[in-house]
N, C-alpha and C. Protein backbone atom coordinates (compact mmCIF):
# COMPACT_ATOMS: atom_id res chain seq x y z
N MET A 1 -20.35 6.81 -34.51
CA MET A 1 -19.23 6.74 -33.60
C MET A 1 -18.21 5.76 -34.18
N PRO A 2 -16.92 6.16 -34.24
CA PRO A 2 -15.89 5.27 -34.77
C PRO A 2 -15.81 3.98 -33.94
N LYS A 3 -15.35 2.94 -34.59
CA LYS A 3 -15.28 1.62 -33.98
C LYS A 3 -14.45 1.63 -32.69
N VAL A 4 -13.35 2.35 -32.68
CA VAL A 4 -12.47 2.41 -31.51
C VAL A 4 -13.22 2.94 -30.30
N PHE A 5 -13.92 4.04 -30.49
CA PHE A 5 -14.65 4.63 -29.37
C PHE A 5 -15.81 3.75 -28.93
N GLN A 6 -16.43 3.06 -29.87
CA GLN A 6 -17.53 2.16 -29.52
C GLN A 6 -17.02 1.00 -28.66
N ILE A 7 -15.88 0.44 -29.04
CA ILE A 7 -15.28 -0.65 -28.26
C ILE A 7 -14.94 -0.16 -26.85
N MET A 8 -14.34 1.03 -26.78
CA MET A 8 -13.97 1.58 -25.48
C MET A 8 -15.21 1.86 -24.62
N ALA A 9 -16.24 2.40 -25.23
CA ALA A 9 -17.47 2.69 -24.48
C ALA A 9 -18.12 1.42 -23.99
N ASP A 10 -18.16 0.40 -24.84
CA ASP A 10 -18.79 -0.87 -24.47
C ASP A 10 -18.00 -1.62 -23.40
N SER A 11 -16.70 -1.46 -23.40
CA SER A 11 -15.87 -2.24 -22.48
C SER A 11 -15.55 -1.50 -21.18
N PHE A 12 -15.84 -0.20 -21.11
CA PHE A 12 -15.45 0.58 -19.93
C PHE A 12 -16.05 0.02 -18.64
N TRP A 13 -17.35 -0.18 -18.60
CA TRP A 13 -17.99 -0.64 -17.35
C TRP A 13 -17.57 -2.06 -16.97
N PRO A 14 -17.47 -2.99 -17.92
CA PRO A 14 -16.97 -4.32 -17.51
C PRO A 14 -15.54 -4.26 -16.95
N LEU A 15 -14.69 -3.43 -17.54
CA LEU A 15 -13.33 -3.31 -17.04
C LEU A 15 -13.29 -2.63 -15.68
N LEU A 16 -14.04 -1.54 -15.54
CA LEU A 16 -14.07 -0.82 -14.27
C LEU A 16 -14.66 -1.70 -13.17
N SER A 17 -15.72 -2.43 -13.48
CA SER A 17 -16.32 -3.29 -12.46
C SER A 17 -15.37 -4.42 -12.06
N ALA A 18 -14.60 -4.95 -13.01
CA ALA A 18 -13.58 -5.96 -12.66
C ALA A 18 -12.51 -5.35 -11.77
N GLY A 19 -12.17 -4.09 -12.05
CA GLY A 19 -11.19 -3.40 -11.22
C GLY A 19 -11.69 -3.19 -9.80
N ILE A 20 -12.94 -2.79 -9.69
CA ILE A 20 -13.51 -2.54 -8.36
C ILE A 20 -13.77 -3.85 -7.62
N ALA A 21 -14.24 -4.86 -8.34
CA ALA A 21 -14.59 -6.12 -7.69
C ALA A 21 -13.39 -6.98 -7.34
N PHE A 22 -12.31 -6.92 -8.13
CA PHE A 22 -11.19 -7.82 -7.90
C PHE A 22 -9.86 -7.09 -7.67
N THR A 23 -9.55 -6.08 -8.47
CA THR A 23 -8.25 -5.42 -8.35
C THR A 23 -8.12 -4.71 -7.01
N VAL A 24 -9.12 -3.93 -6.63
CA VAL A 24 -9.04 -3.18 -5.38
C VAL A 24 -9.00 -4.11 -4.16
N PRO A 25 -9.91 -5.09 -4.04
CA PRO A 25 -9.81 -6.00 -2.88
C PRO A 25 -8.51 -6.80 -2.85
N LEU A 26 -8.03 -7.25 -4.01
CA LEU A 26 -6.77 -7.98 -4.06
C LEU A 26 -5.63 -7.10 -3.57
N THR A 27 -5.65 -5.84 -3.96
CA THR A 27 -4.62 -4.90 -3.51
C THR A 27 -4.69 -4.71 -2.00
N ILE A 28 -5.89 -4.49 -1.49
CA ILE A 28 -6.05 -4.24 -0.05
C ILE A 28 -5.62 -5.46 0.76
N LEU A 29 -6.04 -6.64 0.35
CA LEU A 29 -5.65 -7.85 1.08
C LEU A 29 -4.15 -8.09 1.03
N SER A 30 -3.55 -7.90 -0.14
CA SER A 30 -2.10 -8.07 -0.27
C SER A 30 -1.34 -7.07 0.58
N PHE A 31 -1.80 -5.82 0.55
CA PHE A 31 -1.15 -4.77 1.32
C PHE A 31 -1.28 -5.03 2.82
N ALA A 32 -2.48 -5.39 3.26
CA ALA A 32 -2.70 -5.65 4.69
C ALA A 32 -1.84 -6.83 5.16
N GLY A 33 -1.81 -7.89 4.38
CA GLY A 33 -0.98 -9.04 4.74
C GLY A 33 0.49 -8.67 4.81
N GLY A 34 0.95 -7.94 3.81
CA GLY A 34 2.35 -7.49 3.80
C GLY A 34 2.67 -6.55 4.94
N LEU A 35 1.70 -5.70 5.30
CA LEU A 35 1.90 -4.77 6.40
C LEU A 35 2.03 -5.51 7.73
N VAL A 36 1.20 -6.51 7.94
CA VAL A 36 1.27 -7.30 9.18
C VAL A 36 2.62 -8.02 9.26
N VAL A 37 2.99 -8.70 8.17
CA VAL A 37 4.28 -9.41 8.15
C VAL A 37 5.42 -8.41 8.33
N GLY A 38 5.35 -7.29 7.63
CA GLY A 38 6.40 -6.27 7.73
C GLY A 38 6.51 -5.68 9.13
N PHE A 39 5.36 -5.45 9.78
CA PHE A 39 5.35 -4.86 11.13
C PHE A 39 6.05 -5.79 12.12
N PHE A 40 5.64 -7.05 12.12
CA PHE A 40 6.23 -7.99 13.08
C PHE A 40 7.69 -8.30 12.75
N THR A 41 8.02 -8.30 11.48
CA THR A 41 9.41 -8.50 11.08
C THR A 41 10.25 -7.31 11.55
N ALA A 42 9.72 -6.10 11.38
CA ALA A 42 10.45 -4.90 11.82
C ALA A 42 10.66 -4.92 13.33
N LEU A 43 9.61 -5.28 14.07
CA LEU A 43 9.76 -5.36 15.53
C LEU A 43 10.81 -6.41 15.92
N GLY A 44 10.77 -7.53 15.24
CA GLY A 44 11.76 -8.57 15.52
C GLY A 44 13.17 -8.12 15.19
N ARG A 45 13.31 -7.38 14.10
CA ARG A 45 14.65 -6.89 13.72
C ARG A 45 15.14 -5.80 14.65
N LEU A 46 14.19 -5.02 15.20
CA LEU A 46 14.60 -3.94 16.11
C LEU A 46 14.85 -4.43 17.53
N TYR A 47 13.99 -5.31 18.03
CA TYR A 47 14.01 -5.63 19.45
C TYR A 47 14.24 -7.11 19.75
N GLY A 48 14.39 -7.94 18.73
CA GLY A 48 14.65 -9.36 18.96
C GLY A 48 16.11 -9.60 19.30
N GLY A 49 16.40 -10.82 19.69
CA GLY A 49 17.78 -11.20 19.98
C GLY A 49 18.58 -11.34 18.69
N PRO A 50 19.86 -11.61 18.82
CA PRO A 50 20.73 -11.69 17.65
C PRO A 50 20.31 -12.77 16.65
N VAL A 51 19.86 -13.91 17.14
CA VAL A 51 19.43 -14.98 16.24
C VAL A 51 18.17 -14.55 15.48
N THR A 52 17.22 -13.97 16.18
CA THR A 52 15.97 -13.50 15.56
C THR A 52 16.28 -12.45 14.50
N ARG A 53 17.12 -11.48 14.85
CA ARG A 53 17.46 -10.43 13.88
C ARG A 53 18.11 -11.00 12.63
N THR A 54 18.99 -11.97 12.80
CA THR A 54 19.67 -12.59 11.66
C THR A 54 18.69 -13.35 10.78
N LEU A 55 17.81 -14.15 11.41
CA LEU A 55 16.84 -14.92 10.64
C LEU A 55 15.87 -14.03 9.87
N LEU A 56 15.48 -12.91 10.45
CA LEU A 56 14.50 -12.04 9.81
C LEU A 56 15.07 -11.18 8.69
N ARG A 57 16.35 -11.27 8.44
CA ARG A 57 16.96 -10.52 7.32
C ARG A 57 16.72 -11.22 5.99
N PHE A 58 16.28 -12.51 5.99
CA PHE A 58 16.15 -13.29 4.76
C PHE A 58 14.66 -13.48 4.43
N CYS A 59 14.34 -13.22 3.25
CA CYS A 59 13.10 -13.66 2.54
C CYS A 59 11.81 -13.28 3.23
N VAL A 60 11.66 -12.16 3.86
CA VAL A 60 10.42 -11.78 4.55
C VAL A 60 10.14 -10.32 4.28
N GLY A 61 8.96 -9.96 3.75
CA GLY A 61 8.43 -8.61 3.55
C GLY A 61 9.47 -7.50 3.62
N ALA A 62 10.49 -7.59 2.81
CA ALA A 62 11.64 -6.70 2.94
C ALA A 62 11.29 -5.22 2.84
N TYR A 63 10.50 -4.82 1.86
CA TYR A 63 10.23 -3.39 1.69
C TYR A 63 9.44 -2.83 2.86
N MET A 64 8.35 -3.47 3.20
CA MET A 64 7.54 -2.95 4.30
C MET A 64 8.27 -3.06 5.62
N SER A 65 8.98 -4.15 5.82
CA SER A 65 9.73 -4.32 7.06
C SER A 65 10.75 -3.20 7.24
N GLU A 66 11.48 -2.90 6.19
CA GLU A 66 12.49 -1.84 6.28
C GLU A 66 11.86 -0.46 6.45
N THR A 67 10.75 -0.24 5.78
CA THR A 67 10.06 1.04 5.94
C THR A 67 9.60 1.23 7.37
N ILE A 68 8.98 0.21 7.93
CA ILE A 68 8.47 0.30 9.30
C ILE A 68 9.62 0.37 10.30
N ARG A 69 10.66 -0.44 10.08
CA ARG A 69 11.82 -0.41 10.98
C ARG A 69 12.46 0.98 11.00
N ALA A 70 12.63 1.55 9.83
CA ALA A 70 13.23 2.89 9.74
C ALA A 70 12.34 3.94 10.39
N ALA A 71 11.02 3.82 10.21
CA ALA A 71 10.10 4.79 10.80
C ALA A 71 10.14 4.72 12.32
N ILE A 72 10.13 3.50 12.86
CA ILE A 72 10.20 3.35 14.33
C ILE A 72 11.54 3.86 14.85
N SER A 73 12.62 3.56 14.13
CA SER A 73 13.95 4.02 14.54
C SER A 73 14.08 5.54 14.48
N SER A 74 13.27 6.18 13.65
CA SER A 74 13.37 7.63 13.51
C SER A 74 12.78 8.39 14.70
N VAL A 75 11.98 7.71 15.51
CA VAL A 75 11.40 8.36 16.69
C VAL A 75 12.50 8.49 17.74
N PRO A 76 12.72 9.70 18.24
CA PRO A 76 13.82 9.91 19.19
C PRO A 76 13.68 9.02 20.44
N LYS A 77 14.83 8.58 20.94
CA LYS A 77 14.86 7.72 22.13
C LYS A 77 14.17 8.40 23.32
N GLY A 78 14.22 9.71 23.35
CA GLY A 78 13.58 10.46 24.43
C GLY A 78 12.07 10.23 24.51
N GLN A 79 11.46 9.90 23.38
CA GLN A 79 10.02 9.61 23.39
C GLN A 79 9.73 8.33 24.16
N TRP A 80 10.59 7.33 23.97
CA TRP A 80 10.46 6.09 24.75
C TRP A 80 10.65 6.40 26.23
N GLU A 81 11.73 7.13 26.52
CA GLU A 81 12.05 7.44 27.92
C GLU A 81 10.93 8.23 28.59
N ALA A 82 10.36 9.18 27.87
CA ALA A 82 9.24 9.96 28.42
C ALA A 82 8.04 9.06 28.71
N SER A 83 7.77 8.12 27.81
CA SER A 83 6.66 7.19 28.00
C SER A 83 6.89 6.31 29.23
N PHE A 84 8.10 5.81 29.37
CA PHE A 84 8.41 4.96 30.52
C PHE A 84 8.36 5.76 31.82
N SER A 85 8.75 7.04 31.75
CA SER A 85 8.77 7.86 32.96
C SER A 85 7.37 8.14 33.51
N ILE A 86 6.36 8.05 32.67
CA ILE A 86 4.99 8.25 33.16
C ILE A 86 4.27 6.92 33.41
N GLY A 87 5.06 5.84 33.43
CA GLY A 87 4.52 4.55 33.83
C GLY A 87 3.97 3.67 32.72
N MET A 88 4.23 4.00 31.46
CA MET A 88 3.75 3.16 30.37
C MET A 88 4.59 1.90 30.27
N THR A 89 3.96 0.81 29.86
CA THR A 89 4.69 -0.41 29.55
C THR A 89 5.31 -0.24 28.16
N TRP A 90 6.14 -1.22 27.78
CA TRP A 90 6.76 -1.16 26.45
C TRP A 90 5.69 -1.13 25.36
N ALA A 91 4.66 -2.00 25.48
CA ALA A 91 3.60 -2.06 24.47
C ALA A 91 2.80 -0.76 24.43
N GLN A 92 2.53 -0.17 25.59
CA GLN A 92 1.80 1.10 25.62
C GLN A 92 2.63 2.22 24.99
N ALA A 93 3.92 2.26 25.31
CA ALA A 93 4.80 3.28 24.72
C ALA A 93 4.84 3.13 23.21
N LEU A 94 4.94 1.88 22.74
CA LEU A 94 4.96 1.64 21.31
C LEU A 94 3.65 2.09 20.67
N GLY A 95 2.53 1.66 21.22
CA GLY A 95 1.23 1.94 20.61
C GLY A 95 0.75 3.38 20.74
N ARG A 96 1.03 4.01 21.86
CA ARG A 96 0.50 5.35 22.11
C ARG A 96 1.45 6.49 21.77
N THR A 97 2.73 6.22 21.79
CA THR A 97 3.70 7.29 21.57
C THR A 97 4.51 7.11 20.30
N VAL A 98 5.11 5.94 20.14
CA VAL A 98 6.07 5.73 19.05
C VAL A 98 5.38 5.49 17.71
N LEU A 99 4.42 4.57 17.65
CA LEU A 99 3.79 4.27 16.35
C LEU A 99 3.07 5.46 15.73
N PRO A 100 2.35 6.29 16.51
CA PRO A 100 1.74 7.46 15.85
C PRO A 100 2.77 8.38 15.19
N GLN A 101 3.93 8.52 15.83
CA GLN A 101 4.98 9.36 15.23
C GLN A 101 5.65 8.65 14.05
N ALA A 102 5.82 7.34 14.18
CA ALA A 102 6.43 6.56 13.10
C ALA A 102 5.51 6.51 11.88
N ALA A 103 4.20 6.53 12.11
CA ALA A 103 3.25 6.49 10.99
C ALA A 103 3.43 7.68 10.07
N ARG A 104 3.73 8.81 10.65
CA ARG A 104 3.95 10.02 9.84
C ARG A 104 5.15 9.85 8.92
N VAL A 105 6.19 9.20 9.41
CA VAL A 105 7.39 8.99 8.61
C VAL A 105 7.16 7.90 7.56
N ALA A 106 6.41 6.86 7.93
CA ALA A 106 6.23 5.71 7.04
C ALA A 106 5.17 5.94 5.97
N THR A 107 4.25 6.87 6.18
CA THR A 107 3.12 7.04 5.27
C THR A 107 3.51 7.24 3.81
N PRO A 108 4.42 8.13 3.46
CA PRO A 108 4.73 8.30 2.03
C PRO A 108 5.22 7.01 1.36
N SER A 109 6.13 6.31 2.01
CA SER A 109 6.67 5.10 1.41
C SER A 109 5.63 3.99 1.34
N LEU A 110 4.85 3.81 2.40
CA LEU A 110 3.81 2.77 2.40
C LEU A 110 2.71 3.09 1.39
N ALA A 111 2.36 4.36 1.26
CA ALA A 111 1.33 4.74 0.28
C ALA A 111 1.83 4.50 -1.14
N ASN A 112 3.09 4.80 -1.40
CA ASN A 112 3.66 4.52 -2.72
C ASN A 112 3.69 3.02 -3.00
N THR A 113 3.98 2.22 -1.98
CA THR A 113 3.95 0.77 -2.13
C THR A 113 2.54 0.30 -2.47
N PHE A 114 1.54 0.89 -1.81
CA PHE A 114 0.15 0.53 -2.06
C PHE A 114 -0.24 0.86 -3.50
N ILE A 115 0.15 2.03 -3.98
CA ILE A 115 -0.17 2.44 -5.34
C ILE A 115 0.52 1.51 -6.35
N SER A 116 1.77 1.15 -6.09
CA SER A 116 2.46 0.20 -6.97
C SER A 116 1.78 -1.15 -6.97
N LEU A 117 1.27 -1.55 -5.81
CA LEU A 117 0.59 -2.84 -5.70
C LEU A 117 -0.69 -2.86 -6.53
N VAL A 118 -1.37 -1.72 -6.63
CA VAL A 118 -2.56 -1.64 -7.49
C VAL A 118 -2.19 -2.02 -8.92
N LYS A 119 -1.09 -1.47 -9.39
CA LYS A 119 -0.66 -1.76 -10.76
C LYS A 119 -0.13 -3.19 -10.90
N ASP A 120 0.47 -3.70 -9.84
CA ASP A 120 1.03 -5.06 -9.90
C ASP A 120 -0.04 -6.14 -9.88
N THR A 121 -1.28 -5.80 -9.53
CA THR A 121 -2.33 -6.82 -9.52
C THR A 121 -2.62 -7.35 -10.91
N SER A 122 -2.18 -6.65 -11.95
CA SER A 122 -2.39 -7.16 -13.30
C SER A 122 -1.69 -8.50 -13.50
N LEU A 123 -0.68 -8.77 -12.68
CA LEU A 123 0.01 -10.06 -12.76
C LEU A 123 -0.89 -11.21 -12.31
N ALA A 124 -1.94 -10.91 -11.56
CA ALA A 124 -2.86 -11.95 -11.10
C ALA A 124 -3.62 -12.57 -12.28
N ALA A 125 -3.68 -11.88 -13.40
CA ALA A 125 -4.35 -12.43 -14.59
C ALA A 125 -3.67 -13.73 -15.03
N ALA A 126 -2.37 -13.83 -14.78
CA ALA A 126 -1.66 -15.06 -15.13
C ALA A 126 -2.14 -16.25 -14.30
N LEU A 127 -2.73 -15.96 -13.15
CA LEU A 127 -3.26 -17.00 -12.27
C LEU A 127 -4.77 -17.15 -12.43
N THR A 128 -5.31 -16.59 -13.48
CA THR A 128 -6.74 -16.60 -13.82
C THR A 128 -7.62 -15.92 -12.77
N VAL A 129 -7.10 -14.96 -12.06
CA VAL A 129 -7.93 -14.12 -11.19
C VAL A 129 -8.63 -13.13 -12.10
N PRO A 130 -9.97 -13.05 -12.04
CA PRO A 130 -10.70 -12.21 -13.01
C PRO A 130 -10.63 -10.72 -12.70
N GLU A 131 -9.43 -10.17 -12.67
CA GLU A 131 -9.29 -8.73 -12.45
C GLU A 131 -9.30 -8.00 -13.80
N MET A 132 -8.99 -6.72 -13.78
CA MET A 132 -9.15 -5.88 -14.97
C MET A 132 -8.40 -6.38 -16.19
N PHE A 133 -7.15 -6.76 -16.01
CA PHE A 133 -6.34 -7.16 -17.17
C PHE A 133 -6.91 -8.41 -17.82
N GLN A 134 -7.36 -9.36 -17.00
CA GLN A 134 -7.94 -10.56 -17.58
C GLN A 134 -9.27 -10.24 -18.26
N ALA A 135 -10.05 -9.32 -17.69
CA ALA A 135 -11.29 -8.91 -18.34
C ALA A 135 -10.99 -8.31 -19.72
N ALA A 136 -9.92 -7.51 -19.79
CA ALA A 136 -9.52 -6.93 -21.07
C ALA A 136 -9.10 -8.03 -22.06
N GLN A 137 -8.39 -9.04 -21.56
CA GLN A 137 -8.00 -10.15 -22.43
C GLN A 137 -9.22 -10.88 -22.99
N GLN A 138 -10.23 -11.07 -22.15
CA GLN A 138 -11.43 -11.76 -22.60
C GLN A 138 -12.20 -10.94 -23.64
N ILE A 139 -12.30 -9.64 -23.42
CA ILE A 139 -12.99 -8.78 -24.39
C ILE A 139 -12.19 -8.70 -25.68
N ALA A 140 -10.86 -8.64 -25.58
CA ALA A 140 -10.00 -8.58 -26.77
C ALA A 140 -10.13 -9.85 -27.60
N ALA A 141 -10.39 -10.96 -26.96
CA ALA A 141 -10.56 -12.23 -27.69
C ALA A 141 -11.80 -12.19 -28.58
N VAL A 142 -12.77 -11.35 -28.21
CA VAL A 142 -14.01 -11.23 -28.99
C VAL A 142 -13.90 -10.11 -30.03
N THR A 143 -13.30 -8.99 -29.62
CA THR A 143 -13.26 -7.80 -30.50
C THR A 143 -12.04 -7.77 -31.42
N TYR A 144 -11.02 -8.54 -31.10
CA TYR A 144 -9.75 -8.53 -31.85
C TYR A 144 -9.08 -7.16 -31.85
N GLU A 145 -9.26 -6.42 -30.75
CA GLU A 145 -8.66 -5.09 -30.60
C GLU A 145 -7.90 -5.00 -29.27
N PRO A 146 -6.85 -5.79 -29.10
CA PRO A 146 -6.17 -5.78 -27.80
C PRO A 146 -5.52 -4.44 -27.45
N LEU A 147 -4.97 -3.76 -28.42
CA LEU A 147 -4.29 -2.50 -28.14
C LEU A 147 -5.26 -1.48 -27.54
N ILE A 148 -6.44 -1.38 -28.11
CA ILE A 148 -7.44 -0.44 -27.60
C ILE A 148 -7.81 -0.80 -26.16
N LEU A 149 -8.06 -2.07 -25.91
CA LEU A 149 -8.49 -2.50 -24.58
C LEU A 149 -7.38 -2.37 -23.55
N TYR A 150 -6.16 -2.70 -23.92
CA TYR A 150 -5.05 -2.57 -22.97
C TYR A 150 -4.77 -1.09 -22.68
N ALA A 151 -4.94 -0.24 -23.67
CA ALA A 151 -4.80 1.20 -23.43
C ALA A 151 -5.88 1.68 -22.47
N GLU A 152 -7.09 1.15 -22.65
CA GLU A 152 -8.18 1.53 -21.75
C GLU A 152 -7.90 1.06 -20.32
N VAL A 153 -7.38 -0.15 -20.18
CA VAL A 153 -7.01 -0.65 -18.85
C VAL A 153 -5.93 0.25 -18.24
N ALA A 154 -4.97 0.64 -19.06
CA ALA A 154 -3.92 1.54 -18.57
C ALA A 154 -4.51 2.86 -18.08
N LEU A 155 -5.50 3.37 -18.78
CA LEU A 155 -6.16 4.61 -18.35
C LEU A 155 -6.91 4.41 -17.03
N ILE A 156 -7.53 3.25 -16.86
CA ILE A 156 -8.23 2.97 -15.61
C ILE A 156 -7.23 2.83 -14.46
N TYR A 157 -6.09 2.15 -14.72
CA TYR A 157 -5.04 2.09 -13.70
C TYR A 157 -4.53 3.50 -13.37
N LEU A 158 -4.40 4.35 -14.39
CA LEU A 158 -4.00 5.73 -14.16
C LEU A 158 -5.02 6.45 -13.30
N LEU A 159 -6.30 6.22 -13.56
CA LEU A 159 -7.36 6.82 -12.74
C LEU A 159 -7.25 6.36 -11.29
N PHE A 160 -7.12 5.04 -11.08
CA PHE A 160 -6.98 4.51 -9.72
C PHE A 160 -5.75 5.11 -9.03
N SER A 161 -4.63 5.13 -9.74
CA SER A 161 -3.38 5.64 -9.17
C SER A 161 -3.48 7.14 -8.85
N SER A 162 -4.14 7.90 -9.71
CA SER A 162 -4.30 9.34 -9.48
C SER A 162 -5.15 9.61 -8.25
N VAL A 163 -6.24 8.86 -8.11
CA VAL A 163 -7.11 9.03 -6.94
C VAL A 163 -6.34 8.66 -5.67
N LEU A 164 -5.61 7.54 -5.72
CA LEU A 164 -4.83 7.13 -4.55
C LEU A 164 -3.72 8.12 -4.22
N SER A 165 -3.09 8.69 -5.24
CA SER A 165 -2.05 9.70 -5.01
C SER A 165 -2.62 10.95 -4.36
N ALA A 166 -3.81 11.35 -4.79
CA ALA A 166 -4.47 12.51 -4.18
C ALA A 166 -4.82 12.21 -2.72
N LEU A 167 -5.31 11.01 -2.45
CA LEU A 167 -5.62 10.62 -1.07
C LEU A 167 -4.36 10.56 -0.22
N GLN A 168 -3.27 10.09 -0.82
CA GLN A 168 -1.99 10.05 -0.12
C GLN A 168 -1.56 11.46 0.27
N GLY A 169 -1.68 12.40 -0.66
CA GLY A 169 -1.32 13.79 -0.37
C GLY A 169 -2.14 14.37 0.77
N ARG A 170 -3.43 14.08 0.75
CA ARG A 170 -4.31 14.57 1.84
C ARG A 170 -3.91 13.95 3.17
N LEU A 171 -3.62 12.66 3.18
CA LEU A 171 -3.21 11.99 4.41
C LEU A 171 -1.90 12.56 4.93
N GLU A 172 -0.95 12.79 4.04
CA GLU A 172 0.33 13.37 4.47
C GLU A 172 0.14 14.76 5.04
N ARG A 173 -0.69 15.59 4.40
CA ARG A 173 -0.95 16.93 4.92
C ARG A 173 -1.63 16.86 6.29
N ARG A 174 -2.56 15.94 6.43
CA ARG A 174 -3.25 15.80 7.72
C ARG A 174 -2.28 15.36 8.81
N LEU A 175 -1.40 14.42 8.49
CA LEU A 175 -0.41 13.98 9.48
C LEU A 175 0.57 15.10 9.80
N ASP A 176 0.93 15.92 8.82
CA ASP A 176 1.82 17.06 9.08
C ASP A 176 1.18 18.04 10.05
N ARG A 177 -0.12 18.29 9.89
CA ARG A 177 -0.82 19.20 10.81
C ARG A 177 -0.92 18.58 12.20
N SER A 178 -1.13 17.28 12.26
CA SER A 178 -1.30 16.60 13.55
C SER A 178 -0.03 16.63 14.38
N PHE A 179 1.11 16.66 13.71
CA PHE A 179 2.38 16.59 14.43
C PHE A 179 3.20 17.86 14.27
N SER A 180 2.54 18.97 14.04
CA SER A 180 3.25 20.24 13.93
C SER A 180 3.74 20.66 15.31
N PRO A 181 4.86 21.39 15.36
CA PRO A 181 5.34 21.88 16.66
C PRO A 181 4.27 22.72 17.33
N GLY A 182 4.13 22.50 18.60
CA GLY A 182 3.16 23.30 19.37
C GLY A 182 1.77 22.70 19.41
N VAL A 183 1.54 21.63 18.66
CA VAL A 183 0.23 20.99 18.66
C VAL A 183 0.26 19.89 19.72
N ALA A 184 -0.65 19.95 20.66
CA ALA A 184 -0.70 18.94 21.72
C ALA A 184 -1.23 17.63 21.15
N LEU A 185 -0.61 16.55 21.55
CA LEU A 185 -1.07 15.24 21.08
C LEU A 185 -2.07 14.67 22.00
């Protein structure tokens, strides 16, 4: 077996395990934190007073906040009115009527953000977080073949991104079926 393939074969499991053990959890935690900040920022920008709306325009989860704000704004006002007419509170209308419809609109953008975040976790290697890229750096220090190892890491990121893209497509199709005209909610 040529040296290149031997290095790739020997390093595949250590790189993949670093990806599963650190890259995936780091992505999930970062995404969840950003989603929480973005959700509350979006609510503040939509329904807060003028001072709150102005303050929340600076330096806070901009991408997720705007995605969520736009998704909530896309739900017709009549949905709120219908919820209130059957006795729902504002929080019940938001949780039971508006957010499920807004989720359908926000899913593509949020899923793309999540996939980008998977790739951005390689920056954590600069902070000595033992994720995939740092594992590749450590193996390259021994094998003196950084190009091979970084290409392998790129292929693993491609694998992660492809799986997540397929899952995103399935989720979008499922949400499309859930909210098709004539389907009772």
